[in-house]
Structure formats: C-alpha cells, structure tokens
PDB file of N, CA and C in Angstrom:
ATOM      1  N   MET A   1       0.844  -1.170   0.000  1.00  0.00           N
ATOM      2  CA  MET A   1       0.000   0.000   0.000  1.00  0.00           C
ATOM      3  C   MET A   1       0.900   1.247   0.000  1.00  0.00           C
ATOM      4  N   LYS A   2       0.554   2.208  -0.810  1.00  0.00           N
ATOM      5  CA  LYS A   2       1.322   3.439  -0.942  1.00  0.00           C
ATOM      6  C   LYS A   2       1.012   4.372   0.232  1.00  0.00           C
ATOM      7  N   THR A   3       2.043   5.018   0.744  1.00  0.00           N
ATOM      8  CA  THR A   3       1.884   5.991   1.818  1.00  0.00           C
ATOM      9  C   THR A   3       2.294   7.363   1.311  1.00  0.00           C
ATOM     10  N   HIS A   4       1.540   8.380   1.697  1.00  0.00           N
ATOM     11  CA  HIS A   4       1.838   9.762   1.323  1.00  0.00           C
ATOM     12  C   HIS A   4       2.062  10.589   2.585  1.00  0.00           C
ATOM     13  N   LEU A   5       2.983  11.517   2.485  1.00  0.00           N
ATOM     14  CA  LEU A   5       3.200  12.497   3.538  1.00  0.00           C
ATOM     15  C   LEU A   5       2.457  13.755   3.139  1.00  0.00           C
ATOM     16  N   HIS A   6       1.492  14.165   3.954  1.00  0.00           N
ATOM     17  CA  HIS A   6       0.734  15.390   3.671  1.00  0.00           C
ATOM     18  C   HIS A   6       1.328  16.538   4.465  1.00  0.00           C
ATOM     19  N   ILE A   7       1.569  17.660   3.789  1.00  0.00           N
ATOM     20  CA  ILE A   7       2.080  18.874   4.416  1.00  0.00           C
ATOM     21  C   ILE A   7       0.948  19.898   4.457  1.00  0.00           C
ATOM     22  N   ASP A   8       0.591  20.316   5.651  1.00  0.00           N
ATOM     23  CA  ASP A   8      -0.430  21.353   5.830  1.00  0.00           C
ATOM     24  C   ASP A   8       0.288  22.693   5.973  1.00  0.00           C
ATOM     25  N   TRP A   9       0.400  23.412   4.874  1.00  0.00           N
ATOM     26  CA  TRP A   9       1.138  24.670   4.890  1.00  0.00           C
ATOM     27  C   TRP A   9       0.487  25.731   5.764  1.00  0.00           C
ATOM     28  N   THR A  10      -0.810  25.613   6.033  1.00  0.00           N
ATOM     29  CA  THR A  10      -1.466  26.605   6.901  1.00  0.00           C
ATOM     30  C   THR A  10      -1.019  26.458   8.352  1.00  0.00           C
ATOM     31  N   SER A  11      -0.573  25.262   8.733  1.00  0.00           N
ATOM     32  CA  SER A  11      -0.078  25.033  10.091  1.00  0.00           C
ATOM     33  C   SER A  11       1.434  25.198  10.197  1.00  0.00           C
ATOM     34  N   CYS A  12       2.129  24.976   9.111  1.00  0.00           N
ATOM     35  CA  CYS A  12       3.595  24.983   9.091  1.00  0.00           C
ATOM     36  C   CYS A  12       4.150  26.393   9.282  1.00  0.00           C
ATOM     37  N   ASP A  13       5.269  26.480   9.996  1.00  0.00           N
ATOM     38  CA  ASP A  13       5.946  27.772  10.091  1.00  0.00           C
ATOM     39  C   ASP A  13       7.352  27.732   9.493  1.00  0.00           C
ATOM     40  N   GLY A  14       7.661  26.677   8.738  1.00  0.00           N
ATOM     41  CA  GLY A  14       8.894  26.622   7.966  1.00  0.00           C
ATOM     42  C   GLY A  14      10.166  26.424   8.772  1.00  0.00           C
ATOM     43  N   ARG A  15      10.106  25.670   9.845  1.00  0.00           N
ATOM     44  CA  ARG A  15      11.313  25.422  10.649  1.00  0.00           C
ATOM     45  C   ARG A  15      12.306  24.521   9.940  1.00  0.00           C
ATOM     46  N   GLY A  16      11.831  23.602   9.106  1.00  0.00           N
ATOM     47  CA  GLY A  16      12.701  22.791   8.267  1.00  0.00           C
ATOM     48  C   GLY A  16      13.151  21.468   8.837  1.00  0.00           C
ATOM     49  N   LEU A  17      12.668  21.085   9.998  1.00  0.00           N
ATOM     50  CA  LEU A  17      13.062  19.805  10.580  1.00  0.00           C
ATOM     51  C   LEU A  17      12.704  18.646   9.666  1.00  0.00           C
ATOM     52  N   CYS A  18      11.533  18.686   9.060  1.00  0.00           N
ATOM     53  CA  CYS A  18      11.109  17.594   8.175  1.00  0.00           C
ATOM     54  C   CYS A  18      12.018  17.485   6.952  1.00  0.00           C
ATOM     55  N   ALA A  19      12.433  18.610   6.410  1.00  0.00           N
ATOM     56  CA  ALA A  19      13.335  18.594   5.254  1.00  0.00           C
ATOM     57  C   ALA A  19      14.698  18.022   5.635  1.00  0.00           C
ATOM     58  N   GLU A  20      15.119  18.241   6.871  1.00  0.00           N
ATOM     59  CA  GLU A  20      16.377  17.660   7.341  1.00  0.00           C
ATOM     60  C   GLU A  20      16.250  16.159   7.537  1.00  0.00           C
ATOM     61  N   LEU A  21      15.097  15.689   8.008  1.00  0.00           N
ATOM     62  CA  LEU A  21      14.884  14.262   8.226  1.00  0.00           C
ATOM     63  C   LEU A  21      14.641  13.503   6.932  1.00  0.00           C
ATOM     64  N   LEU A  22      14.133  14.194   5.900  1.00  0.00           N
ATOM     65  CA  LEU A  22      13.806  13.568   4.622  1.00  0.00           C
ATOM     66  C   LEU A  22      14.483  14.312   3.467  1.00  0.00           C
ATOM     67  N   PRO A  23      15.808  14.386   3.458  1.00  0.00           N
ATOM     68  CA  PRO A  23      16.496  15.190   2.438  1.00  0.00           C
ATOM     69  C   PRO A  23      16.323  14.668   1.016  1.00  0.00           C
ATOM     70  N   GLY A  24      16.073  13.394   0.845  1.00  0.00           N
ATOM     71  CA  GLY A  24      15.864  12.851  -0.490  1.00  0.00           C
ATOM     72  C   GLY A  24      14.447  13.028  -0.994  1.00  0.00           C
ATOM     73  N   VAL A  25      13.548  13.463  -0.112  1.00  0.00           N
ATOM     74  CA  VAL A  25      12.132  13.579  -0.427  1.00  0.00           C
ATOM     75  C   VAL A  25      11.674  15.035  -0.473  1.00  0.00           C
ATOM     76  N   LEU A  26      12.169  15.839   0.474  1.00  0.00           N
ATOM     77  CA  LEU A  26      11.699  17.220   0.615  1.00  0.00           C
ATOM     78  C   LEU A  26      12.803  18.238   0.353  1.00  0.00           C
ATOM     79  N   ASP A  27      12.413  19.343  -0.242  1.00  0.00           N
ATOM     80  CA  ASP A  27      13.235  20.541  -0.362  1.00  0.00           C
ATOM     81  C   ASP A  27      12.521  21.630   0.424  1.00  0.00           C
ATOM     82  N   ARG A  28      13.143  22.798   0.503  1.00  0.00           N
ATOM     83  CA  ARG A  28      12.486  23.952   1.102  1.00  0.00           C
ATOM     84  C   ARG A  28      12.322  25.015   0.029  1.00  0.00           C
ATOM     85  N   ASP A  29      11.157  25.668   0.030  1.00  0.00           N
ATOM     86  CA  ASP A  29      10.928  26.724  -0.957  1.00  0.00           C
ATOM     87  C   ASP A  29      11.642  28.004  -0.522  1.00  0.00           C
ATOM     88  N   ASP A  30      11.431  29.079  -1.259  1.00  0.00           N
ATOM     89  CA  ASP A  30      12.114  30.343  -0.970  1.00  0.00           C
ATOM     90  C   ASP A  30      11.780  30.909   0.408  1.00  0.00           C
ATOM     91  N   TRP A  31      10.667  30.510   1.000  1.00  0.00           N
ATOM     92  CA  TRP A  31      10.242  31.003   2.309  1.00  0.00           C
ATOM     93  C   TRP A  31      10.533  30.005   3.430  1.00  0.00           C
ATOM     94  N   GLY A  32      11.155  28.878   3.091  1.00  0.00           N
ATOM     95  CA  GLY A  32      11.520  27.881   4.093  1.00  0.00           C
ATOM     96  C   GLY A  32      10.517  26.770   4.304  1.00  0.00           C
ATOM     97  N   TYR A  33       9.406  26.784   3.558  1.00  0.00           N
ATOM     98  CA  TYR A  33       8.386  25.747   3.722  1.00  0.00           C
ATOM     99  C   TYR A  33       8.780  24.480   2.967  1.00  0.00           C
ATOM    100  N   PRO A  34       8.433  23.314   3.514  1.00  0.00           N
ATOM    101  CA  PRO A  34       8.784  22.062   2.846  1.00  0.00           C
ATOM    102  C   PRO A  34       7.929  21.825   1.609  1.00  0.00           C
ATOM    103  N   VAL A  35       8.557  21.333   0.564  1.00  0.00           N
ATOM    104  CA  VAL A  35       7.875  20.943  -0.670  1.00  0.00           C
ATOM    105  C   VAL A  35       8.503  19.651  -1.175  1.00  0.00           C
ATOM    106  N   ALA A  36       7.718  18.875  -1.897  1.00  0.00           N
ATOM    107  CA  ALA A  36       8.240  17.635  -2.465  1.00  0.00           C
ATOM    108  C   ALA A  36       9.321  17.953  -3.486  1.00  0.00           C
ATOM    109  N   ARG A  37      10.413  17.254  -3.380  1.00  0.00           N
ATOM    110  CA  ARG A  37      11.538  17.449  -4.295  1.00  0.00           C
ATOM    111  C   ARG A  37      11.111  17.117  -5.728  1.00  0.00           C
ATOM    112  N   GLY A  38      11.263  18.096  -6.625  1.00  0.00           N
ATOM    113  CA  GLY A  38      11.003  17.889  -8.046  1.00  0.00           C
ATOM    114  C   GLY A  38       9.545  17.804  -8.449  1.00  0.00           C
ATOM    115  N   LYS A  39       8.618  18.215  -7.599  1.00  0.00           N
ATOM    116  CA  LYS A  39       7.185  18.133  -7.914  1.00  0.00           C
ATOM    117  C   LYS A  39       6.593  19.525  -8.058  1.00  0.00           C
ATOM    118  N   VAL A  40       5.424  19.590  -8.686  1.00  0.00           N
ATOM    119  CA  VAL A  40       4.706  20.857  -8.839  1.00  0.00           C
ATOM    120  C   VAL A  40       3.248  20.662  -8.433  1.00  0.00           C
ATOM    121  N   GLY A  41       2.554  21.764  -8.168  1.00  0.00           N
ATOM    122  CA  GLY A  41       1.128  21.713  -7.859  1.00  0.00           C
ATOM    123  C   GLY A  41       0.815  20.930  -6.604  1.00  0.00           C
ATOM    124  N   ARG A  42      -0.298  20.201  -6.638  1.00  0.00           N
ATOM    125  CA  ARG A  42      -0.764  19.425  -5.485  1.00  0.00           C
ATOM    126  C   ARG A  42       0.244  18.364  -5.073  1.00  0.00           C
ATOM    127  N   ASP A  43       1.053  17.900  -6.027  1.00  0.00           N
ATOM    128  CA  ASP A  43       2.068  16.896  -5.711  1.00  0.00           C
ATOM    129  C   ASP A  43       3.133  17.436  -4.762  1.00  0.00           C
ATOM    130  N   ARG A  44       3.149  18.732  -4.532  1.00  0.00           N
ATOM    131  CA  ARG A  44       4.112  19.314  -3.599  1.00  0.00           C
ATOM    132  C   ARG A  44       3.674  19.164  -2.156  1.00  0.00           C
ATOM    133  N   THR A  45       2.378  18.903  -1.913  1.00  0.00           N
ATOM    134  CA  THR A  45       1.888  18.788  -0.542  1.00  0.00           C
ATOM    135  C   THR A  45       1.503  17.369  -0.154  1.00  0.00           C
ATOM    136  N   ASP A  46       1.163  16.520  -1.087  1.00  0.00           N
ATOM    137  CA  ASP A  46       0.870  15.113  -0.820  1.00  0.00           C
ATOM    138  C   ASP A  46       1.978  14.294  -1.472  1.00  0.00           C
ATOM    139  N   VAL A  47       3.007  14.017  -0.693  1.00  0.00           N
ATOM    140  CA  VAL A  47       4.256  13.462  -1.191  1.00  0.00           C
ATOM    141  C   VAL A  47       4.246  11.941  -1.101  1.00  0.00           C
ATOM    142  N   PRO A  48       4.335  11.238  -2.233  1.00  0.00           N
ATOM    143  CA  PRO A  48       4.425   9.779  -2.168  1.00  0.00           C
ATOM    144  C   PRO A  48       5.754   9.360  -1.540  1.00  0.00           C
ATOM    145  N   LEU A  49       5.695   8.359  -0.671  1.00  0.00           N
ATOM    146  CA  LEU A  49       6.887   7.890   0.026  1.00  0.00           C
ATOM    147  C   LEU A  49       7.295   6.503  -0.433  1.00  0.00           C
ATOM    148  N   ARG A  50       8.589   6.289  -0.509  1.00  0.00           N
ATOM    149  CA  ARG A  50       9.114   4.938  -0.726  1.00  0.00           C
ATOM    150  C   ARG A  50       9.117   4.233   0.627  1.00  0.00           C
ATOM    151  N   ASP A  51       9.116   2.916   0.602  1.00  0.00           N
ATOM    152  CA  ASP A  51       9.150   2.162   1.857  1.00  0.00           C
ATOM    153  C   ASP A  51      10.357   2.562   2.702  1.00  0.00           C
ATOM    154  N   ALA A  52      11.480   2.844   2.057  1.00  0.00           N
ATOM    155  CA  ALA A  52      12.711   3.208   2.763  1.00  0.00           C
ATOM    156  C   ALA A  52      12.588   4.546   3.502  1.00  0.00           C
ATOM    157  N   ASP A  53      11.638   5.387   3.111  1.00  0.00           N
ATOM    158  CA  ASP A  53      11.473   6.706   3.728  1.00  0.00           C
ATOM    159  C   ASP A  53      10.378   6.748   4.785  1.00  0.00           C
ATOM    160  N   ARG A  54       9.646   5.661   4.957  1.00  0.00           N
ATOM    161  CA  ARG A  54       8.505   5.668   5.880  1.00  0.00           C
ATOM    162  C   ARG A  54       8.899   5.939   7.328  1.00  0.00           C
ATOM    163  N   GLU A  55       9.967   5.311   7.786  1.00  0.00           N
ATOM    164  CA  GLU A  55      10.364   5.496   9.180  1.00  0.00           C
ATOM    165  C   GLU A  55      10.767   6.949   9.453  1.00  0.00           C
ATOM    166  N   ALA A  56      11.549   7.541   8.551  1.00  0.00           N
ATOM    167  CA  ALA A  56      11.937   8.949   8.713  1.00  0.00           C
ATOM    168  C   ALA A  56      10.713   9.855   8.635  1.00  0.00           C
ATOM    169  N   ALA A  57       9.748   9.511   7.786  1.00  0.00           N
ATOM    170  CA  ALA A  57       8.524  10.312   7.674  1.00  0.00           C
ATOM    171  C   ALA A  57       7.711  10.229   8.963  1.00  0.00           C
ATOM    172  N   GLN A  58       7.628   9.045   9.559  1.00  0.00           N
ATOM    173  CA  GLN A  58       6.919   8.907  10.832  1.00  0.00           C
ATOM    174  C   GLN A  58       7.593   9.740  11.917  1.00  0.00           C
ATOM    175  N   GLU A  59       8.919   9.770  11.911  1.00  0.00           N
ATOM    176  CA  GLU A  59       9.645  10.587  12.878  1.00  0.00           C
ATOM    177  C   GLU A  59       9.374  12.074  12.645  1.00  0.00           C
ATOM    178  N   ALA A  60       9.351  12.482  11.381  1.00  0.00           N
ATOM    179  CA  ALA A  60       9.066  13.879  11.051  1.00  0.00           C
ATOM    180  C   ALA A  60       7.674  14.276  11.528  1.00  0.00           C
ATOM    181  N   VAL A  61       6.690  13.405  11.317  1.00  0.00           N
ATOM    182  CA  VAL A  61       5.318  13.675  11.778  1.00  0.00           C
ATOM    183  C   VAL A  61       5.300  13.818  13.301  1.00  0.00           C
ATOM    184  N   PHE A  62       5.970  12.909  13.979  1.00  0.00           N
ATOM    185  CA  PHE A  62       6.000  12.917  15.440  1.00  0.00           C
ATOM    186  C   PHE A  62       6.698  14.159  15.998  1.00  0.00           C
ATOM    187  N   LEU A  63       7.773  14.599  15.338  1.00  0.00           N
ATOM    188  CA  LEU A  63       8.583  15.704  15.847  1.00  0.00           C
ATOM    189  C   LEU A  63       8.155  17.093  15.363  1.00  0.00           C
ATOM    190  N   CYS A  64       7.226  17.163  14.424  1.00  0.00           N
ATOM    191  CA  CYS A  64       6.818  18.464  13.884  1.00  0.00           C
ATOM    192  C   CYS A  64       6.212  19.315  15.007  1.00  0.00           C
ATOM    193  N   PRO A  65       6.835  20.462  15.321  1.00  0.00           N
ATOM    194  CA  PRO A  65       6.333  21.268  16.436  1.00  0.00           C
ATOM    195  C   PRO A  65       4.989  21.932  16.163  1.00  0.00           C
ATOM    196  N   LYS A  66       4.588  22.052  14.912  1.00  0.00           N
ATOM    197  CA  LYS A  66       3.324  22.699  14.560  1.00  0.00           C
ATOM    198  C   LYS A  66       2.244  21.709  14.123  1.00  0.00           C
ATOM    199  N   LEU A  67       2.534  20.403  14.200  1.00  0.00           N
ATOM    200  CA  LEU A  67       1.593  19.352  13.799  1.00  0.00           C
ATOM    201  C   LEU A  67       1.106  19.557  12.365  1.00  0.00           C
ATOM    202  N   ALA A  68       2.014  19.948  11.496  1.00  0.00           N
ATOM    203  CA  ALA A  68       1.674  20.265  10.111  1.00  0.00           C
ATOM    204  C   ALA A  68       1.829  19.078   9.171  1.00  0.00           C
ATOM    205  N   LEU A  69       2.240  17.939   9.680  1.00  0.00           N
ATOM    206  CA  LEU A  69       2.465  16.762   8.839  1.00  0.00           C
ATOM    207  C   LEU A  69       1.549  15.631   9.248  1.00  0.00           C
ATOM    208  N   SER A  70       1.148  14.824   8.265  1.00  0.00           N
ATOM    209  CA  SER A  70       0.382  13.613   8.548  1.00  0.00           C
ATOM    210  C   SER A  70       0.711  12.577   7.484  1.00  0.00           C
ATOM    211  N   LEU A  71       0.542  11.313   7.852  1.00  0.00           N
ATOM    212  CA  LEU A  71       0.748  10.221   6.912  1.00  0.00           C
ATOM    213  C   LEU A  71      -0.605   9.707   6.458  1.00  0.00           C
ATOM    214  N   LEU A  72      -0.731   9.490   5.151  1.00  0.00           N
ATOM    215  CA  LEU A  72      -1.964   8.999   4.554  1.00  0.00           C
ATOM    216  C   LEU A  72      -1.678   7.673   3.873  1.00  0.00           C
ATOM    217  N   ALA A  73      -2.432   6.649   4.210  1.00  0.00           N
ATOM    218  CA  ALA A  73      -2.281   5.346   3.569  1.00  0.00           C
ATOM    219  C   ALA A  73      -3.154   5.285   2.330  1.00  0.00           C
ATOM    220  N   GLY A  74      -2.664   4.646   1.291  1.00  0.00           N
ATOM    221  CA  GLY A  74      -3.421   4.517   0.047  1.00  0.00           C
ATOM    222  C   GLY A  74      -3.021   5.593  -0.937  1.00  0.00           C
ATOM    223  N   SER A  75      -3.870   5.849  -1.903  1.00  0.00           N
ATOM    224  CA  SER A  75      -3.565   6.855  -2.921  1.00  0.00           C
ATOM    225  C   SER A  75      -3.764   8.254  -2.341  1.00  0.00           C
ATOM    226  N   ALA A  76      -3.151   9.232  -2.996  1.00  0.00           N
ATOM    227  CA  ALA A  76      -3.273  10.618  -2.552  1.00  0.00           C
ATOM    228  C   ALA A  76      -4.738  11.044  -2.626  1.00  0.00           C
ATOM    229  N   PRO A  77      -5.207  11.837  -1.672  1.00  0.00           N
ATOM    230  CA  PRO A  77      -6.603  12.271  -1.681  1.00  0.00           C
ATOM    231  C   PRO A  77      -6.884  13.207  -2.840  1.00  0.00           C
ATOM    232  N   GLU A  78      -8.100  13.184  -3.296  1.00  0.00           N
ATOM    233  CA  GLU A  78      -8.509  14.130  -4.351  1.00  0.00           C
ATOM    234  C   GLU A  78      -8.634  15.510  -3.728  1.00  0.00           C
ATOM    235  N   PRO A  79      -8.365  16.553  -4.516  1.00  0.00           N
ATOM    236  CA  PRO A  79      -8.478  17.911  -3.974  1.00  0.00           C
ATOM    237  C   PRO A  79      -9.870  18.163  -3.400  1.00  0.00           C
ATOM    238  N   GLY A  80      -9.911  18.768  -2.233  1.00  0.00           N
ATOM    239  CA  GLY A  80     -11.179  19.108  -1.609  1.00  0.00           C
ATOM    240  C   GLY A  80     -11.856  17.991  -0.837  1.00  0.00           C
ATOM    241  N   THR A  81     -11.242  16.789  -0.776  1.00  0.00           N
ATOM    242  CA  THR A  81     -11.885  15.685  -0.079  1.00  0.00           C
ATOM    243  C   THR A  81     -11.341  15.470   1.321  1.00  0.00           C
ATOM    244  N   ARG A  82     -10.248  16.127   1.680  1.00  0.00           N
ATOM    245  CA  ARG A  82      -9.681  15.967   3.015  1.00  0.00           C
ATOM    246  C   ARG A  82     -10.439  16.840   3.995  1.00  0.00           C
ATOM    247  N   MET A  83     -10.676  16.306   5.160  1.00  0.00           N
ATOM    248  CA  MET A  83     -11.279  17.069   6.246  1.00  0.00           C
ATOM    249  C   MET A  83     -10.158  17.604   7.121  1.00  0.00           C
ATOM    250  N   PRO A  84     -10.321  18.777   7.714  1.00  0.00           N
ATOM    251  CA  PRO A  84      -9.286  19.306   8.611  1.00  0.00           C
ATOM    252  C   PRO A  84      -8.952  18.304   9.696  1.00  0.00           C
ATOM    253  N   GLY A  85      -7.675  18.175   9.993  1.00  0.00           N
ATOM    254  CA  GLY A  85      -7.209  17.257  11.029  1.00  0.00           C
ATOM    255  C   GLY A  85      -6.965  15.845  10.549  1.00  0.00           C
ATOM    256  N   GLN A  86      -7.231  15.562   9.291  1.00  0.00           N
ATOM    257  CA  GLN A  86      -6.988  14.211   8.773  1.00  0.00           C
ATOM    258  C   GLN A  86      -5.642  14.147   8.121  1.00  0.00           C
TER     259      GLN A  86
END
C-alpha cells in the first residue's frame, strides 16, 4: 500500500526539521516551507513515500512542532476531499 506524507502549509511555520529528516524527499521553498523534491502543484503537498522513507517520515510527523504533517495510507486524496485534522 502506498503511503503519502501530507504537508499542511497553513499550520507549518517553515522550521525545516522535516526537510532535514527527509532530504531525499523534501526541499524547502524560498520562504523555508517544505515541498516535495522535483514536484509541482498538489504533488508538492501530498508526497508519495518509498518504503525506505517511511520510518523517517513517521519521525518527522512525530517531531513536527506545529503538527503540520500527517501520513496517509493509500492513494493521494482528491483535492477538496480531506477534512481538517486528517
């Protein structure tokens, strides 16, 4: 089953801890917010993870001081179908 890392930019304050924990997956934009490496649009916030990156992603979710990250099992959600806090 595919796992995605969701970044809630409205909660994030751009500290960059997640980008440090997932350097092969995340970059930081010009303002310091995490974005999926090499992706555009919605793919920048719902980041597909390889099995090798799952443990680091779980750590990033756990350590995020603003609770701006979550892990989603299955395919990426369609735009507008996520409920706040999911």
